[in-house]
Amino acid sequence: MGLGGVHHAHSVHEMTDISTRAAVMRAHGAANADGHLPAVW
């Protein structure tokens, strides 16, 4: 029954991580006009 809570917390963490990566991607995209994905992705 507690599994749902764990999953929810994990999902929130993933969403935050994705949001952070999206911000990094935009920053790299602005710096790299070639449009290639950053190696860190």
PDB file of N, CA and C in Angstrom:
ATOM      1  N   MET A   1       0.853  -1.200   0.000  1.00  0.00           N
ATOM      2  CA  MET A   1       0.000   0.000   0.000  1.00  0.00           C
ATOM      3  C   MET A   1       0.884   1.242   0.000  1.00  0.00           C
ATOM      4  N   GLY A   2       2.053   1.150   0.621  1.00  0.00           N
ATOM      5  CA  GLY A   2       2.947   2.304   0.644  1.00  0.00           C
ATOM      6  C   GLY A   2       3.698   2.486  -0.660  1.00  0.00           C
ATOM      7  N   LEU A   3       3.572   1.511  -1.562  1.00  0.00           N
ATOM      8  CA  LEU A   3       4.283   1.554  -2.829  1.00  0.00           C
ATOM      9  C   LEU A   3       3.878   2.782  -3.651  1.00  0.00           C
ATOM     10  N   GLY A   4       2.582   3.131  -3.572  1.00  0.00           N
ATOM     11  CA  GLY A   4       2.095   4.289  -4.324  1.00  0.00           C
ATOM     12  C   GLY A   4       2.798   5.567  -3.897  1.00  0.00           C
ATOM     13  N   GLY A   5       3.019   5.708  -2.586  1.00  0.00           N
ATOM     14  CA  GLY A   5       3.686   6.902  -2.080  1.00  0.00           C
ATOM     15  C   GLY A   5       5.119   6.985  -2.570  1.00  0.00           C
ATOM     16  N   VAL A   6       5.780   5.835  -2.585  1.00  0.00           N
ATOM     17  CA  VAL A   6       7.172   5.792  -3.044  1.00  0.00           C
ATOM     18  C   VAL A   6       7.233   6.166  -4.515  1.00  0.00           C
ATOM     19  N   HIS A   7       6.321   5.598  -5.289  1.00  0.00           N
ATOM     20  CA  HIS A   7       6.294   5.863  -6.730  1.00  0.00           C
ATOM     21  C   HIS A   7       6.036   7.349  -6.989  1.00  0.00           C
ATOM     22  N   HIS A   8       5.110   7.923  -6.204  1.00  0.00           N
ATOM     23  CA  HIS A   8       4.769   9.336  -6.371  1.00  0.00           C
ATOM     24  C   HIS A   8       5.997  10.208  -6.111  1.00  0.00           C
ATOM     25  N   ALA A   9       6.711   9.913  -5.036  1.00  0.00           N
ATOM     26  CA  ALA A   9       7.892  10.695  -4.687  1.00  0.00           C
ATOM     27  C   ALA A   9       8.943  10.560  -5.782  1.00  0.00           C
ATOM     28  N   HIS A  10       9.080   9.341  -6.318  1.00  0.00           N
ATOM     29  CA  HIS A  10      10.052   9.094  -7.384  1.00  0.00           C
ATOM     30  C   HIS A  10       9.656   9.873  -8.636  1.00  0.00           C
ATOM     31  N   SER A  11       8.359   9.904  -8.926  1.00  0.00           N
ATOM     32  CA  SER A  11       7.880  10.618 -10.108  1.00  0.00           C
ATOM     33  C   SER A  11       8.168  12.110  -9.985  1.00  0.00           C
ATOM     34  N   VAL A  12       7.941  12.658  -8.795  1.00  0.00           N
ATOM     35  CA  VAL A  12       8.202  14.077  -8.574  1.00  0.00           C
ATOM     36  C   VAL A  12       9.690  14.362  -8.773  1.00  0.00           C
ATOM     37  N   HIS A  13      10.526  13.453  -8.282  1.00  0.00           N
ATOM     38  CA  HIS A  13      11.977  13.621  -8.435  1.00  0.00           C
ATOM     39  C   HIS A  13      12.355  13.583  -9.911  1.00  0.00           C
ATOM     40  N   GLU A  14      11.762  12.650 -10.658  1.00  0.00           N
ATOM     41  CA  GLU A  14      12.057  12.535 -12.083  1.00  0.00           C
ATOM     42  C   GLU A  14      11.608  13.792 -12.817  1.00  0.00           C
ATOM     43  N   MET A  15      10.439  14.306 -12.469  1.00  0.00           N
ATOM     44  CA  MET A  15       9.935  15.513 -13.116  1.00  0.00           C
ATOM     45  C   MET A  15      10.887  16.679 -12.875  1.00  0.00           C
ATOM     46  N   THR A  16      11.398  16.782 -11.647  1.00  0.00           N
ATOM     47  CA  THR A  16      12.336  17.849 -11.315  1.00  0.00           C
ATOM     48  C   THR A  16      13.621  17.670 -12.119  1.00  0.00           C
ATOM     49  N   ASP A  17      14.080  16.437 -12.222  1.00  0.00           N
ATOM     50  CA  ASP A  17      15.304  16.139 -12.953  1.00  0.00           C
ATOM     51  C   ASP A  17      15.126  16.460 -14.437  1.00  0.00           C
ATOM     52  N   ILE A  18      13.986  16.090 -14.989  1.00  0.00           N
ATOM     53  CA  ILE A  18      13.697  16.372 -16.394  1.00  0.00           C
ATOM     54  C   ILE A  18      13.644  17.878 -16.618  1.00  0.00           C
ATOM     55  N   SER A  19      13.028  18.598 -15.675  1.00  0.00           N
ATOM     56  CA  SER A  19      12.946  20.050 -15.787  1.00  0.00           C
ATOM     57  C   SER A  19      14.339  20.661 -15.781  1.00  0.00           C
ATOM     58  N   THR A  20      15.205  20.140 -14.911  1.00  0.00           N
ATOM     59  CA  THR A  20      16.578  20.640 -14.827  1.00  0.00           C
ATOM     60  C   THR A  20      17.312  20.349 -16.129  1.00  0.00           C
ATOM     61  N   ARG A  21      17.138  19.131 -16.643  1.00  0.00           N
ATOM     62  CA  ARG A  21      17.797  18.757 -17.895  1.00  0.00           C
ATOM     63  C   ARG A  21      17.304  19.625 -19.039  1.00  0.00           C
ATOM     64  N   ALA A  22      15.999  19.926 -19.041  1.00  0.00           N
ATOM     65  CA  ALA A  22      15.435  20.766 -20.090  1.00  0.00           C
ATOM     66  C   ALA A  22      16.088  22.146 -20.059  1.00  0.00           C
ATOM     67  N   ALA A  23      16.296  22.673 -18.861  1.00  0.00           N
ATOM     68  CA  ALA A  23      16.934  23.978 -18.720  1.00  0.00           C
ATOM     69  C   ALA A  23      18.376  23.916 -19.219  1.00  0.00           C
ATOM     70  N   VAL A  24      19.062  22.814 -18.898  1.00  0.00           N
ATOM     71  CA  VAL A  24      20.440  22.633 -19.360  1.00  0.00           C
ATOM     72  C   VAL A  24      20.472  22.523 -20.879  1.00  0.00           C
ATOM     73  N   MET A  25      19.510  21.781 -21.427  1.00  0.00           N
ATOM     74  CA  MET A  25      19.434  21.616 -22.875  1.00  0.00           C
ATOM     75  C   MET A  25      19.243  22.962 -23.565  1.00  0.00           C
ATOM     76  N   ARG A  26      18.359  23.804 -23.002  1.00  0.00           N
ATOM     77  CA  ARG A  26      18.131  25.125 -23.589  1.00  0.00           C
ATOM     78  C   ARG A  26      19.407  25.956 -23.520  1.00  0.00           C
ATOM     79  N   ALA A  27      20.119  25.852 -22.400  1.00  0.00           N
ATOM     80  CA  ALA A  27      21.351  26.608 -22.230  1.00  0.00           C
ATOM     81  C   ALA A  27      22.390  26.145 -23.243  1.00  0.00           C
ATOM     82  N   HIS A  28      22.512  24.828 -23.405  1.00  0.00           N
ATOM     83  CA  HIS A  28      23.467  24.285 -24.368  1.00  0.00           C
ATOM     84  C   HIS A  28      23.032  24.626 -25.790  1.00  0.00           C
ATOM     85  N   GLY A  29      21.713  24.577 -26.037  1.00  0.00           N
ATOM     86  CA  GLY A  29      21.195  24.882 -27.365  1.00  0.00           C
ATOM     87  C   GLY A  29      21.520  26.312 -27.759  1.00  0.00           C
ATOM     88  N   ALA A  30      21.442  27.226 -26.793  1.00  0.00           N
ATOM     89  CA  ALA A  30      21.743  28.627 -27.059  1.00  0.00           C
ATOM     90  C   ALA A  30      23.238  28.809 -27.329  1.00  0.00           C
ATOM     91  N   ALA A  31      24.053  27.979 -26.668  1.00  0.00           N
ATOM     92  CA  ALA A  31      25.502  28.094 -26.812  1.00  0.00           C
ATOM     93  C   ALA A  31      25.993  27.342 -28.050  1.00  0.00           C
ATOM     94  N   ASN A  32      25.300  26.256 -28.410  1.00  0.00           N
ATOM     95  CA  ASN A  32      25.719  25.437 -29.551  1.00  0.00           C
ATOM     96  C   ASN A  32      24.740  25.602 -30.712  1.00  0.00           C
ATOM     97  N   ALA A  33      25.098  26.445 -31.639  1.00  0.00           N
ATOM     98  CA  ALA A  33      24.224  26.732 -32.771  1.00  0.00           C
ATOM     99  C   ALA A  33      24.057  25.514 -33.677  1.00  0.00           C
ATOM    100  N   ASP A  34      24.960  24.531 -33.555  1.00  0.00           N
ATOM    101  CA  ASP A  34      24.867  23.344 -34.410  1.00  0.00           C
ATOM    102  C   ASP A  34      23.672  22.471 -34.020  1.00  0.00           C
ATOM    103  N   GLY A  35      23.162  22.660 -32.812  1.00  0.00           N
ATOM    104  CA  GLY A  35      21.961  21.960 -32.380  1.00  0.00           C
ATOM    105  C   GLY A  35      22.190  20.528 -31.939  1.00  0.00           C
ATOM    106  N   HIS A  36      23.430  20.101 -31.805  1.00  0.00           N
ATOM    107  CA  HIS A  36      23.694  18.731 -31.348  1.00  0.00           C
ATOM    108  C   HIS A  36      23.366  18.602 -29.863  1.00  0.00           C
ATOM    109  N   LEU A  37      22.953  17.385 -29.468  1.00  0.00           N
ATOM    110  CA  LEU A  37      22.648  17.149 -28.062  1.00  0.00           C
ATOM    111  C   LEU A  37      23.938  17.172 -27.243  1.00  0.00           C
ATOM    112  N   PRO A  38      23.899  17.765 -26.058  1.00  0.00           N
ATOM    113  CA  PRO A  38      25.079  17.771 -25.187  1.00  0.00           C
ATOM    114  C   PRO A  38      25.467  16.343 -24.822  1.00  0.00           C
ATOM    115  N   ALA A  39      26.740  16.077 -24.707  1.00  0.00           N
ATOM    116  CA  ALA A  39      27.210  14.733 -24.393  1.00  0.00           C
ATOM    117  C   ALA A  39      26.713  14.278 -23.017  1.00  0.00           C
ATOM    118  N   VAL A  40      26.479  15.221 -22.116  1.00  0.00           N
ATOM    119  CA  VAL A  40      26.049  14.884 -20.760  1.00  0.00           C
ATOM    120  C   VAL A  40      24.629  14.341 -20.733  1.00  0.00           C
ATOM    121  N   TRP A  41      23.851  14.549 -21.782  1.00  0.00           N
ATOM    122  CA  TRP A  41      22.486  14.076 -21.811  1.00  0.00           C
ATOM    123  C   TRP A  41      22.502  12.565 -21.856  1.00  0.00           C
TER     124      TRP A  41
END
